[in-house]
Amino acid sequence: MAAGPLSTRVAALCAEVAPRLSPSTRAAVLDLRQRLGEPLRVAIAGRLKAGKSTLVNALIGRRVAPTQVGECTRLVTQFRYGTSDRVDVVRRDGNRVSLPLDSNGMLPQKIGVPRNEVSYIDVTLSIERLRDLTVVDTPGLSSTNEQISAGSKDFLLGNDGSAEESQGLLSDDIDADSAGALTGAEAIVYVFTQSVRQDDVEALEAFRTMSARLSSNPINSLGLFNKVDKLVAMGDPWPTAGPLASSQAEVLRRQVSDVVPLVGLLAETTESGRLTAADCEALRQIAGMSTVEKQVLTASVDLFVSRDCPVSKEERERLLVLLDIYGVRFSLAALEAEPDLPTNELSRRLFLASGFPRVRQVLERAFRWRSDAIKAGWALTGLEQIASRTEQLRDRELLRDTVERLLAEPEYHQLRLLDVAQQVTTGAVELPQQMEDELTRLALSDDPASILALPAGAPPAELEKAALEAATRWRRFAVAGATPSQARVAHVAHRGFHILSQRVRHRPGPPTGPNPAHRPRVTGGY
């Protein structure tokens, strides 16, 4: 993935300042510079059996992460791009043990290395989707198996769960590689099922605490409401799933940017191309049965595999593995209406029924599109942390001075906007909802019309006028009635809108930027 202008400038800064630093500080800065050239890293978190690995497979477009509980599901597993498929078990001492994928092309259930000696599993795959996205599958939290749950929490928080350790000081049980797999994540997707529980909130807070600063806030955290097909015994779950996801989003509004409902199994099956022509033919045979027979057959999973049917029990069991009973019912309804429906069209409709298109859209909007700013902000935070840890006063002053000079450049005001948007979206600084919405649009969007709540294609003069009016509003708020913390946020927003007015002044034609369908939610002014 080509680096964006902000992260490229930070990388150049690291290269420029490194020769003037002491050896240990120089090594840390150069390591950070190398990370800037890597793809955006997204951590998948959640309770055991929430469907994290199923989501990983859907994101990758290939069924490679095991979905049954095994050794791999108890370990951090990193999926990244490589020229060939390779699985390495990375030991805590840094040595690697290479393993083959199993006969189905998946990670093996047994890794042959004692679990307490493993740092993480490093998987490289020659899959184009991974060129600009590294996916980190994390161990399940809040498991009924106390050993797994405790191990996961130790990984996140250290043995005593102290805030100090959670911010970077590693316990004896957490090596740098293992902690780095999570602390280096620039974005988080938290997967849950049914309604949000208190331990979901606590787990998400734990992941946020361990992650990079720009991902430790709602801006770069996404809630995924998985297995919504289980919400209703029969019929369409989506009329229930939509409102329930919205209510969960309100519960988690200070933890995640959005909550998106999903039928993860259908997403995995369709994205990995597992539905075959033979599967479609089996469904077509069942669709040809009488209405009463089909109703009885699909009344439950047990009846679907135990009743007499022209399709063998083994084939029906495979259909359940691929689609579960909701996907089977959906397919039968489609084939009953159109008996000659081809496999690729049925798969496309199942993909739409999974809810995964919206997941991808939100990920593009929330994570990938902002990857340059996310990574640049992460790197600047890293430089600040290196400066705070170094014992060399000269190193500390040099790093802090260069970071401040860089942040003073107009282009880097976007990072200040992200920083204050974090304070507001987490509730650290309270603003009226409409002001919070406007600030969020300013921080997250590159489309002036979207930021200013104007129609797409608005002329530059209208955009400039609206931007200056917004700058004036924020300035007025900063000096009249705002608390000190609100005033600091308002001054940053004021400058952001002023910079925006300058940017659109001579901008020809419709603004370029993310697809209008990807815009953040627009509300009125204030």
Protein backbone atom coordinates (compact mmCIF):
# COMPACT_ATOMS: atom_id res chain seq x y z
CA MET A 1 0.00 0.00 0.00
CA ALA A 2 1.40 3.38 -0.96
CA ALA A 3 1.88 5.60 2.06
CA GLY A 4 -0.17 8.80 2.23
CA PRO A 5 1.32 12.29 2.43
CA LEU A 6 1.00 12.65 6.22
CA SER A 7 2.64 9.34 7.10
CA THR A 8 5.27 9.87 4.38
CA ARG A 9 6.21 13.18 6.01
CA VAL A 10 6.46 11.52 9.44
CA ALA A 11 8.64 8.77 7.96
CA ALA A 12 10.92 11.42 6.47
CA LEU A 13 11.04 13.13 9.87
CA CYS A 14 12.12 9.87 11.51
CA ALA A 15 14.87 9.36 8.94
CA GLU A 16 16.04 12.96 9.38
CA VAL A 17 16.21 12.95 13.16
CA ALA A 18 17.46 9.37 13.72
CA PRO A 19 21.21 10.03 13.09
CA ARG A 20 21.19 12.70 15.81
CA LEU A 21 19.81 10.40 18.49
CA SER A 22 21.50 7.99 20.90
CA PRO A 23 21.68 4.36 19.66
CA SER A 24 18.78 2.97 21.68
CA THR A 25 16.44 5.86 20.87
CA ARG A 26 17.53 5.76 17.23
CA ALA A 27 16.59 2.07 16.99
CA ALA A 28 13.11 2.75 18.40
CA VAL A 29 12.53 5.62 15.97
CA LEU A 30 13.67 3.60 12.96
CA ASP A 31 11.45 0.71 14.00
CA LEU A 32 8.51 3.11 14.16
CA ARG A 33 9.46 4.44 10.70
CA GLN A 34 9.35 0.91 9.31
CA ARG A 35 5.86 0.37 10.72
CA LEU A 36 4.65 3.45 8.83
CA GLY A 37 5.19 1.62 5.56
CA GLU A 38 3.10 -1.36 6.63
CA PRO A 39 -0.62 -1.81 5.95
CA LEU A 40 -3.24 -0.59 8.36
CA ARG A 41 -3.56 -3.06 11.22
CA VAL A 42 -7.06 -3.92 12.45
CA ALA A 43 -7.56 -6.03 15.59
CA ILE A 44 -10.64 -8.27 15.81
CA ALA A 45 -11.76 -8.64 19.42
CA GLY A 46 -14.69 -10.20 21.25
CA ARG A 47 -15.85 -13.06 23.42
CA LEU A 48 -15.13 -16.66 22.56
CA LYS A 49 -17.60 -18.01 19.96
CA ALA A 50 -18.77 -14.53 19.02
CA GLY A 51 -17.74 -15.23 15.42
CA LYS A 52 -14.39 -13.40 15.25
CA SER A 53 -12.68 -16.00 13.06
CA THR A 54 -15.70 -16.17 10.76
CA LEU A 55 -15.38 -12.40 10.30
CA VAL A 56 -11.65 -12.75 9.65
CA ASN A 57 -12.35 -15.26 6.89
CA ALA A 58 -14.96 -12.97 5.34
CA LEU A 59 -12.57 -10.01 5.43
CA ILE A 60 -9.77 -12.04 3.88
CA GLY A 61 -12.07 -13.68 1.32
CA ARG A 62 -10.82 -17.15 2.12
CA ARG A 63 -11.61 -19.69 4.81
CA VAL A 64 -8.27 -20.03 6.58
CA ALA A 65 -8.91 -19.10 10.25
CA PRO A 66 -10.35 -22.05 12.23
CA THR A 67 -13.84 -21.38 13.55
CA GLN A 68 -13.86 -24.28 16.02
CA VAL A 69 -12.15 -23.86 19.39
CA GLY A 70 -8.58 -25.13 19.19
CA GLU A 71 -5.02 -24.10 19.93
CA CYS A 72 -5.02 -21.37 17.28
CA THR A 73 -8.15 -19.70 18.64
CA ARG A 74 -6.37 -19.30 21.99
CA LEU A 75 -3.48 -17.35 20.47
CA VAL A 76 -3.02 -14.03 18.73
CA THR A 77 -2.93 -14.71 14.98
CA GLN A 78 -1.77 -12.13 12.47
CA PHE A 79 -2.86 -12.37 8.82
CA ARG A 80 -0.81 -10.29 6.39
CA TYR A 81 0.17 -10.23 2.73
CA GLY A 82 2.99 -12.39 1.41
CA THR A 83 4.10 -13.71 -1.94
CA SER A 84 3.35 -17.26 -0.79
CA ASP A 85 1.17 -18.91 1.84
CA ARG A 86 3.12 -19.51 5.04
CA VAL A 87 2.35 -20.18 8.71
CA ASP A 88 4.97 -19.43 11.36
CA VAL A 89 4.58 -20.05 15.07
CA VAL A 90 6.65 -17.26 16.63
CA ARG A 91 8.17 -18.31 19.93
CA ARG A 92 8.75 -15.93 22.80
CA ASP A 93 12.50 -16.23 22.21
CA GLY A 94 12.03 -14.97 18.63
CA ASN A 95 12.58 -18.30 16.90
CA ARG A 96 10.00 -19.47 14.35
CA VAL A 97 8.49 -22.86 13.65
CA SER A 98 6.96 -23.20 10.18
CA LEU A 99 3.78 -25.23 9.73
CA PRO A 100 1.82 -26.25 6.64
CA LEU A 101 -1.83 -25.37 6.17
CA ASP A 102 -4.06 -28.41 6.58
CA SER A 103 -5.67 -30.31 3.72
CA ASN A 104 -8.53 -27.79 3.62
CA GLY A 105 -6.18 -24.83 3.37
CA MET A 106 -6.82 -23.78 6.97
CA LEU A 107 -4.59 -23.23 9.97
CA PRO A 108 -3.82 -26.53 11.68
CA GLN A 109 -5.62 -27.28 14.95
CA LYS A 110 -2.38 -28.49 16.54
CA ILE A 111 0.73 -26.28 16.41
CA GLY A 112 3.25 -28.60 18.09
CA VAL A 113 4.68 -25.90 20.37
CA PRO A 114 3.78 -25.52 24.08
CA ARG A 115 1.32 -22.71 24.38
CA ASN A 116 3.28 -20.88 27.07
CA GLU A 117 6.24 -20.66 24.66
CA VAL A 118 4.24 -19.04 21.83
CA SER A 119 4.20 -15.31 21.23
CA TYR A 120 1.82 -15.27 18.27
CA ILE A 121 1.08 -16.97 14.95
CA ASP A 122 2.21 -15.13 11.83
CA VAL A 123 0.27 -16.04 8.68
CA THR A 124 1.22 -14.67 5.26
CA LEU A 125 -1.17 -15.24 2.37
CA SER A 126 -0.98 -14.25 -1.29
CA ILE A 127 -4.36 -12.51 -1.15
CA GLU A 128 -4.74 -9.07 -2.71
CA ARG A 129 -7.05 -7.83 0.05
CA LEU A 130 -4.18 -8.11 2.51
CA ARG A 131 -1.93 -5.74 0.57
CA ASP A 132 -3.38 -2.77 2.46
CA LEU A 133 -4.91 -4.43 5.51
CA THR A 134 -3.35 -6.63 8.19
CA VAL A 135 -5.93 -8.47 10.30
CA VAL A 136 -5.14 -9.53 13.88
CA ASP A 137 -7.42 -12.20 15.35
CA THR A 138 -7.24 -12.05 19.16
CA PRO A 139 -8.11 -14.69 21.79
CA GLY A 140 -11.70 -14.79 22.99
CA LEU A 141 -12.60 -12.96 26.18
CA SER A 142 -15.17 -13.80 28.86
CA SER A 143 -15.02 -17.48 28.04
CA THR A 144 -16.76 -20.07 30.17
CA ASN A 145 -13.32 -21.67 30.20
CA GLU A 146 -11.64 -19.65 32.96
CA GLN A 147 -8.17 -20.53 31.75
CA ILE A 148 -8.80 -19.04 28.33
CA SER A 149 -10.52 -15.99 29.75
CA ALA A 150 -7.78 -15.32 32.30
CA GLY A 151 -5.08 -15.81 29.68
CA SER A 152 -6.76 -13.34 27.36
CA LYS A 153 -7.09 -10.72 30.07
CA ASP A 154 -3.47 -11.23 31.11
CA PHE A 155 -2.50 -10.63 27.50
CA LEU A 156 -4.44 -7.38 27.48
CA LEU A 157 -3.79 -5.95 30.89
CA GLY A 158 -0.84 -7.74 32.47
CA ASN A 159 -1.07 -10.02 35.49
CA ASP A 160 -2.48 -7.41 37.86
CA GLY A 161 -4.54 -5.53 35.27
CA SER A 162 -2.91 -2.26 36.29
CA ALA A 163 -3.36 0.83 34.19
CA GLU A 164 0.40 1.31 34.15
CA GLU A 165 1.02 -2.06 32.55
CA SER A 166 -1.87 -1.59 30.16
CA GLN A 167 -0.17 1.50 28.82
CA GLY A 168 2.98 -0.24 27.77
CA LEU A 169 4.96 -1.71 30.69
CA LEU A 170 4.93 -5.44 30.05
CA SER A 171 4.61 -8.10 32.70
CA ASP A 172 6.86 -11.17 32.74
CA ASP A 173 4.15 -13.15 30.96
CA ILE A 174 3.75 -10.72 28.05
CA ASP A 175 6.62 -10.47 25.59
CA ALA A 176 7.11 -7.48 23.30
CA ASP A 177 6.05 -9.35 20.13
CA SER A 178 2.79 -10.55 21.62
CA ALA A 179 1.88 -7.21 23.13
CA GLY A 180 2.93 -5.46 19.93
CA ALA A 181 0.39 -7.46 17.94
CA LEU A 182 -2.33 -5.58 19.81
CA THR A 183 -0.68 -2.34 20.91
CA GLY A 184 0.25 -1.68 17.27
CA ALA A 185 -3.34 -1.96 16.07
CA GLU A 186 -4.61 1.27 14.57
CA ALA A 187 -8.26 0.19 14.57
CA ILE A 188 -10.47 -2.25 16.46
CA VAL A 189 -13.55 -4.26 15.47
CA TYR A 190 -15.35 -5.66 18.51
CA VAL A 191 -17.65 -8.61 17.74
CA PHE A 192 -20.56 -9.48 20.02
CA THR A 193 -23.84 -11.40 19.83
CA GLN A 194 -27.26 -10.72 21.35
CA SER A 195 -27.28 -7.59 23.51
CA VAL A 196 -24.23 -5.83 24.91
CA ARG A 197 -23.26 -6.99 28.39
CA GLN A 198 -21.14 -5.23 30.97
CA ASP A 199 -18.20 -7.53 30.29
CA ASP A 200 -18.40 -6.57 26.60
CA VAL A 201 -17.94 -2.94 27.59
CA GLU A 202 -15.10 -3.84 29.96
CA ALA A 203 -13.39 -5.99 27.32
CA LEU A 204 -13.67 -3.26 24.72
CA GLU A 205 -12.24 -0.77 27.17
CA ALA A 206 -9.33 -3.15 27.78
CA PHE A 207 -8.56 -3.44 24.07
CA ARG A 208 -8.86 0.30 23.64
CA THR A 209 -6.45 0.93 26.51
CA MET A 210 -3.84 -1.35 24.95
CA SER A 211 -4.20 -0.02 21.42
CA ALA A 212 -2.68 2.96 19.68
CA ARG A 213 -4.14 6.31 20.74
CA LEU A 214 -6.13 6.99 17.59
CA SER A 215 -7.79 3.59 17.81
CA SER A 216 -8.51 3.96 21.52
CA ASN A 217 -11.61 6.01 20.87
CA PRO A 218 -14.93 5.63 19.05
CA ILE A 219 -13.58 7.19 15.87
CA ASN A 220 -11.60 4.08 14.93
CA SER A 221 -13.52 1.39 16.82
CA LEU A 222 -16.46 -0.49 15.31
CA GLY A 223 -19.00 -2.74 16.99
CA LEU A 224 -20.15 -5.77 15.00
CA PHE A 225 -23.47 -7.28 16.08
CA ASN A 226 -23.00 -10.82 14.76
CA LYS A 227 -25.35 -13.81 14.31
CA VAL A 228 -28.46 -11.67 13.99
CA ASP A 229 -30.13 -14.62 12.23
CA LYS A 230 -30.50 -16.12 15.72
CA LEU A 231 -32.74 -13.28 16.89
CA VAL A 232 -35.95 -14.82 15.56
CA ALA A 233 -36.97 -18.47 15.32
CA MET A 234 -38.59 -18.08 11.89
CA GLY A 235 -38.84 -15.37 9.26
CA ASP A 236 -36.71 -12.35 8.45
CA PRO A 237 -34.42 -11.22 11.33
CA TRP A 238 -33.54 -7.86 9.82
CA PRO A 239 -36.60 -5.88 11.00
CA THR A 240 -35.49 -6.81 14.52
CA ALA A 241 -31.73 -6.57 13.92
CA GLY A 242 -31.74 -3.00 12.62
CA PRO A 243 -33.44 -1.31 15.59
CA LEU A 244 -31.56 -3.51 18.07
CA ALA A 245 -28.21 -2.58 16.51
CA SER A 246 -29.19 1.08 16.73
CA SER A 247 -30.01 0.72 20.43
CA GLN A 248 -26.69 -1.06 21.04
CA ALA A 249 -24.90 1.73 19.19
CA GLU A 250 -26.40 4.19 21.66
CA VAL A 251 -25.21 2.06 24.60
CA LEU A 252 -21.70 1.95 23.11
CA ARG A 253 -21.61 5.47 21.65
CA ARG A 254 -18.58 6.35 23.79
CA GLN A 255 -16.77 3.13 22.81
CA VAL A 256 -17.44 2.60 19.08
CA SER A 257 -18.26 4.73 16.05
CA ASP A 258 -21.12 2.50 14.92
CA VAL A 259 -22.71 -0.91 15.47
CA VAL A 260 -23.34 -2.92 12.31
CA PRO A 261 -25.54 -6.07 12.27
CA LEU A 262 -24.23 -9.15 10.44
CA VAL A 263 -24.92 -12.79 9.62
CA GLY A 264 -21.25 -13.74 9.72
CA LEU A 265 -21.63 -17.30 8.42
CA LEU A 266 -23.31 -16.15 5.21
CA ALA A 267 -20.61 -13.51 4.77
CA GLU A 268 -17.85 -16.12 5.16
CA THR A 269 -19.52 -18.62 2.83
CA THR A 270 -20.19 -16.14 0.03
CA GLU A 271 -16.94 -14.16 0.30
CA SER A 272 -14.82 -17.31 0.26
CA GLY A 273 -16.79 -18.85 -2.63
CA ARG A 274 -17.76 -22.00 -0.76
CA LEU A 275 -21.28 -22.40 -2.19
CA THR A 276 -20.93 -24.79 -5.14
CA ALA A 277 -23.19 -25.71 -8.03
CA ALA A 278 -23.81 -29.06 -6.30
CA ASP A 279 -24.96 -27.21 -3.17
CA CYS A 280 -27.30 -25.09 -5.25
CA GLU A 281 -28.69 -28.18 -6.96
CA ALA A 282 -29.38 -29.80 -3.58
CA LEU A 283 -31.24 -26.67 -2.50
CA ARG A 284 -33.15 -26.69 -5.78
CA GLN A 285 -34.32 -30.25 -5.10
CA ILE A 286 -35.56 -29.30 -1.66
CA ALA A 287 -37.27 -26.21 -3.09
CA GLY A 288 -39.26 -28.52 -5.35
CA MET A 289 -40.87 -30.29 -2.40
CA SER A 290 -44.41 -29.43 -1.31
CA THR A 291 -44.92 -26.32 0.82
CA VAL A 292 -45.98 -28.34 3.87
CA GLU A 293 -42.98 -30.68 3.59
CA LYS A 294 -40.60 -27.72 3.35
CA GLN A 295 -42.18 -25.98 6.32
CA VAL A 296 -41.73 -29.06 8.48
CA LEU A 297 -38.25 -29.77 7.16
CA THR A 298 -36.98 -26.23 7.88
CA ALA A 299 -38.78 -25.79 11.20
CA SER A 300 -35.54 -26.61 13.05
CA VAL A 301 -31.99 -27.80 12.50
CA ASP A 302 -32.82 -31.23 13.92
CA LEU A 303 -35.78 -31.72 11.60
CA PHE A 304 -33.74 -30.54 8.61
CA VAL A 305 -31.23 -33.36 8.99
CA SER A 306 -33.56 -36.08 10.34
CA ARG A 307 -36.64 -35.93 8.09
CA ASP A 308 -37.02 -37.95 4.90
CA CYS A 309 -35.86 -35.88 1.96
CA PRO A 310 -34.68 -36.42 -1.65
CA VAL A 311 -31.35 -34.87 -0.62
CA SER A 312 -29.00 -37.02 1.46
CA LYS A 313 -28.42 -36.32 5.14
CA GLU A 314 -24.74 -35.62 4.46
CA GLU A 315 -25.61 -32.99 1.85
CA ARG A 316 -28.09 -31.34 4.20
CA GLU A 317 -25.50 -31.27 6.99
CA ARG A 318 -23.12 -29.53 4.61
CA LEU A 319 -25.79 -26.95 3.76
CA LEU A 320 -26.19 -26.18 7.46
CA VAL A 321 -22.44 -25.78 7.84
CA LEU A 322 -22.46 -23.30 4.96
CA LEU A 323 -25.72 -21.45 5.55
CA ASP A 324 -27.33 -22.49 8.85
CA ILE A 325 -31.09 -22.75 8.89
CA TYR A 326 -31.71 -19.07 8.08
CA GLY A 327 -29.55 -19.24 4.97
CA VAL A 328 -31.26 -22.46 3.91
CA ARG A 329 -34.71 -20.89 4.29
CA PHE A 330 -33.61 -17.79 2.40
CA SER A 331 -32.20 -19.91 -0.45
CA LEU A 332 -35.30 -22.09 -0.69
CA ALA A 333 -37.55 -19.01 -0.91
CA ALA A 334 -35.36 -17.58 -3.69
CA LEU A 335 -35.32 -20.87 -5.64
CA GLU A 336 -39.04 -21.41 -5.18
CA ALA A 337 -39.65 -18.00 -6.76
CA GLU A 338 -37.05 -18.55 -9.51
CA PRO A 339 -36.38 -22.28 -10.00
CA ASP A 340 -33.65 -21.64 -12.61
CA LEU A 341 -31.69 -19.21 -10.44
CA PRO A 342 -27.95 -19.81 -11.13
CA THR A 343 -25.47 -20.47 -8.35
CA ASN A 344 -23.62 -17.17 -8.71
CA GLU A 345 -26.85 -15.18 -8.44
CA LEU A 346 -27.99 -17.13 -5.39
CA SER A 347 -24.59 -16.53 -3.80
CA ARG A 348 -24.86 -12.81 -4.55
CA ARG A 349 -28.28 -12.60 -2.88
CA LEU A 350 -27.01 -14.50 0.15
CA PHE A 351 -24.11 -12.05 0.34
CA LEU A 352 -26.55 -9.14 0.40
CA ALA A 353 -28.68 -10.94 3.01
CA SER A 354 -25.61 -11.35 5.24
CA GLY A 355 -25.30 -7.62 5.87
CA PHE A 356 -21.60 -7.76 4.93
CA PRO A 357 -21.80 -5.06 2.21
CA ARG A 358 -22.54 -2.51 4.93
CA VAL A 359 -19.72 -3.86 7.08
CA ARG A 360 -17.28 -3.36 4.22
CA GLN A 361 -18.64 0.11 3.53
CA VAL A 362 -18.25 1.15 7.16
CA LEU A 363 -14.74 -0.30 7.32
CA GLU A 364 -13.76 1.61 4.21
CA ARG A 365 -15.22 4.82 5.61
CA ALA A 366 -14.03 4.39 9.17
CA PHE A 367 -10.65 2.76 8.72
CA ARG A 368 -9.04 2.43 5.31
CA TRP A 369 -10.02 5.81 3.94
CA ARG A 370 -8.48 7.53 6.98
CA SER A 371 -5.48 5.20 7.17
CA ASP A 372 -2.98 7.95 6.34
CA ALA A 373 -4.14 10.15 9.21
CA ILE A 374 -4.54 7.16 11.52
CA LYS A 375 -1.01 5.94 10.89
CA ALA A 376 0.51 9.42 11.03
CA GLY A 377 -1.23 10.10 14.34
CA TRP A 378 -0.17 6.71 15.68
CA ALA A 379 3.44 7.44 14.70
CA LEU A 380 3.49 10.88 16.29
CA THR A 381 2.07 9.38 19.47
CA GLY A 382 4.82 6.77 19.26
CA LEU A 383 7.47 9.46 18.97
CA GLU A 384 6.02 11.22 22.02
CA GLN A 385 6.15 7.94 23.95
CA ILE A 386 9.76 7.31 22.89
CA ALA A 387 10.63 10.80 24.05
CA SER A 388 8.99 10.24 27.43
CA ARG A 389 10.89 6.96 27.97
CA THR A 390 14.37 8.00 26.89
CA GLU A 391 16.87 8.87 29.61
CA GLN A 392 18.75 11.24 27.30
CA LEU A 393 17.57 14.82 27.79
CA ARG A 394 18.90 15.81 24.35
CA ASP A 395 16.93 13.00 22.68
CA ARG A 396 13.78 13.97 24.53
CA GLU A 397 13.99 17.64 23.58
CA LEU A 398 14.90 16.86 19.97
CA LEU A 399 11.96 14.51 19.46
CA ARG A 400 9.43 16.79 21.14
CA ASP A 401 10.64 19.80 19.21
CA THR A 402 10.39 18.07 15.85
CA VAL A 403 6.90 16.71 16.66
CA GLU A 404 5.68 20.20 17.61
CA ARG A 405 7.16 21.75 14.45
CA LEU A 406 5.46 19.13 12.35
CA LEU A 407 2.10 19.61 14.05
CA ALA A 408 2.34 23.34 13.37
CA GLU A 409 2.17 22.70 9.60
CA PRO A 410 -1.34 23.31 8.19
CA GLU A 411 -1.56 19.81 6.73
CA TYR A 412 -1.14 18.31 10.17
CA HIS A 413 -4.01 20.22 11.69
CA GLN A 414 -6.06 17.17 10.70
CA LEU A 415 -4.32 15.25 13.48
CA ARG A 416 -5.24 17.92 16.01
CA LEU A 417 -8.82 17.61 14.78
CA LEU A 418 -8.72 13.85 15.28
CA ASP A 419 -7.30 14.37 18.75
CA VAL A 420 -10.04 16.77 19.87
CA ALA A 421 -12.70 14.65 18.17
CA GLN A 422 -11.44 11.77 20.32
CA GLN A 423 -11.89 13.87 23.45
CA VAL A 424 -15.45 14.75 22.46
CA THR A 425 -16.59 11.32 21.23
CA THR A 426 -15.29 9.63 24.38
CA GLY A 427 -17.12 12.12 26.55
CA ALA A 428 -13.97 13.62 28.03
CA VAL A 429 -15.19 16.98 26.71
CA GLU A 430 -18.94 17.50 26.50
CA LEU A 431 -20.44 19.40 23.57
CA PRO A 432 -24.01 19.81 22.33
CA GLN A 433 -24.85 16.90 20.03
CA GLN A 434 -25.04 19.02 16.86
CA MET A 435 -21.64 20.55 17.56
CA GLU A 436 -20.20 17.10 18.23
CA ASP A 437 -21.61 15.90 14.90
CA GLU A 438 -20.13 18.86 13.02
CA LEU A 439 -16.73 18.41 14.65
CA THR A 440 -16.78 14.69 13.82
CA ARG A 441 -17.55 15.43 10.16
CA LEU A 442 -14.72 17.97 10.04
CA ALA A 443 -12.28 15.49 11.57
CA LEU A 444 -13.31 12.45 9.53
CA SER A 445 -14.35 13.64 6.09
CA ASP A 446 -12.39 15.04 3.15
CA ASP A 447 -15.55 16.13 1.33
CA PRO A 448 -16.29 19.84 2.02
CA ALA A 449 -19.96 19.50 1.07
CA SER A 450 -20.41 16.63 3.53
CA ILE A 451 -18.56 18.48 6.28
CA LEU A 452 -20.68 21.58 5.77
CA ALA A 453 -23.99 19.72 5.32
CA LEU A 454 -24.42 21.11 1.80
CA PRO A 455 -25.57 19.30 -1.35
CA ALA A 456 -22.95 17.43 -3.36
CA GLY A 457 -21.54 19.64 -6.09
CA ALA A 458 -22.09 22.91 -4.21
CA PRO A 459 -20.04 25.71 -5.85
CA PRO A 460 -16.76 26.80 -4.23
CA ALA A 461 -18.13 30.22 -3.26
CA GLU A 462 -20.99 28.62 -1.31
CA LEU A 463 -18.60 26.17 0.35
CA GLU A 464 -16.21 28.95 1.32
CA LYS A 465 -19.02 31.05 2.80
CA ALA A 466 -20.35 28.11 4.84
CA ALA A 467 -16.84 27.23 6.09
CA LEU A 468 -16.20 30.83 7.22
CA GLU A 469 -19.58 30.94 8.96
CA ALA A 470 -18.74 27.71 10.78
CA ALA A 471 -15.33 29.09 11.77
CA THR A 472 -17.05 32.19 13.16
CA ARG A 473 -19.53 30.09 15.16
CA TRP A 474 -16.78 28.04 16.74
CA ARG A 475 -14.73 31.16 17.49
CA ARG A 476 -17.75 32.81 19.12
CA PHE A 477 -18.39 29.69 21.19
CA ALA A 478 -14.74 29.55 22.29
CA VAL A 479 -14.75 33.09 23.69
CA ALA A 480 -18.31 33.25 25.01
CA GLY A 481 -19.73 30.56 27.23
CA ALA A 482 -17.34 27.66 26.68
CA THR A 483 -15.51 25.94 29.53
CA PRO A 484 -11.70 25.92 29.28
CA SER A 485 -11.68 22.39 27.84
CA GLN A 486 -14.48 23.23 25.40
CA ALA A 487 -12.62 26.39 24.37
CA ARG A 488 -9.49 24.38 23.50
CA VAL A 489 -11.59 22.11 21.29
CA ALA A 490 -13.40 25.08 19.74
CA HIS A 491 -10.15 26.85 18.83
CA VAL A 492 -8.98 23.73 16.97
CA ALA A 493 -12.32 23.49 15.16
CA HIS A 494 -12.18 27.21 14.31
CA ARG A 495 -8.81 26.84 12.66
CA GLY A 496 -9.96 23.68 10.88
CA PHE A 497 -12.89 25.46 9.27
CA HIS A 498 -10.65 28.42 8.38
CA ILE A 499 -8.22 26.05 6.63
CA LEU A 500 -11.19 24.42 4.89
CA SER A 501 -12.38 27.81 3.59
CA GLN A 502 -8.95 28.42 2.07
CA ARG A 503 -8.91 24.95 0.53
CA VAL A 504 -12.25 25.33 -1.25
CA ARG A 505 -11.72 28.93 -2.40
CA HIS A 506 -10.25 27.98 -5.75
CA ARG A 507 -11.43 24.40 -5.89
CA PRO A 508 -12.95 23.66 -9.33
CA GLY A 509 -16.04 21.55 -9.83
CA PRO A 510 -17.51 18.96 -7.45
CA PRO A 511 -15.22 18.06 -4.54
CA THR A 512 -13.25 14.87 -4.70
CA GLY A 513 -13.19 12.58 -1.72
CA PRO A 514 -14.88 9.48 -0.42
CA ASN A 515 -17.99 8.15 -2.09
CA PRO A 516 -21.00 10.21 -0.94
CA ALA A 517 -22.50 6.93 0.30
CA HIS A 518 -19.58 6.69 2.73
CA ARG A 519 -20.17 10.06 4.36
CA PRO A 520 -20.60 10.31 8.10
CA ARG A 521 -24.14 10.94 9.30
CA VAL A 522 -25.13 14.54 8.56
CA THR A 523 -27.29 16.52 10.96
CA GLY A 524 -28.28 20.15 10.96
CA GLY A 525 -26.22 23.12 12.12
CA TYR A 526 -26.48 24.70 15.50
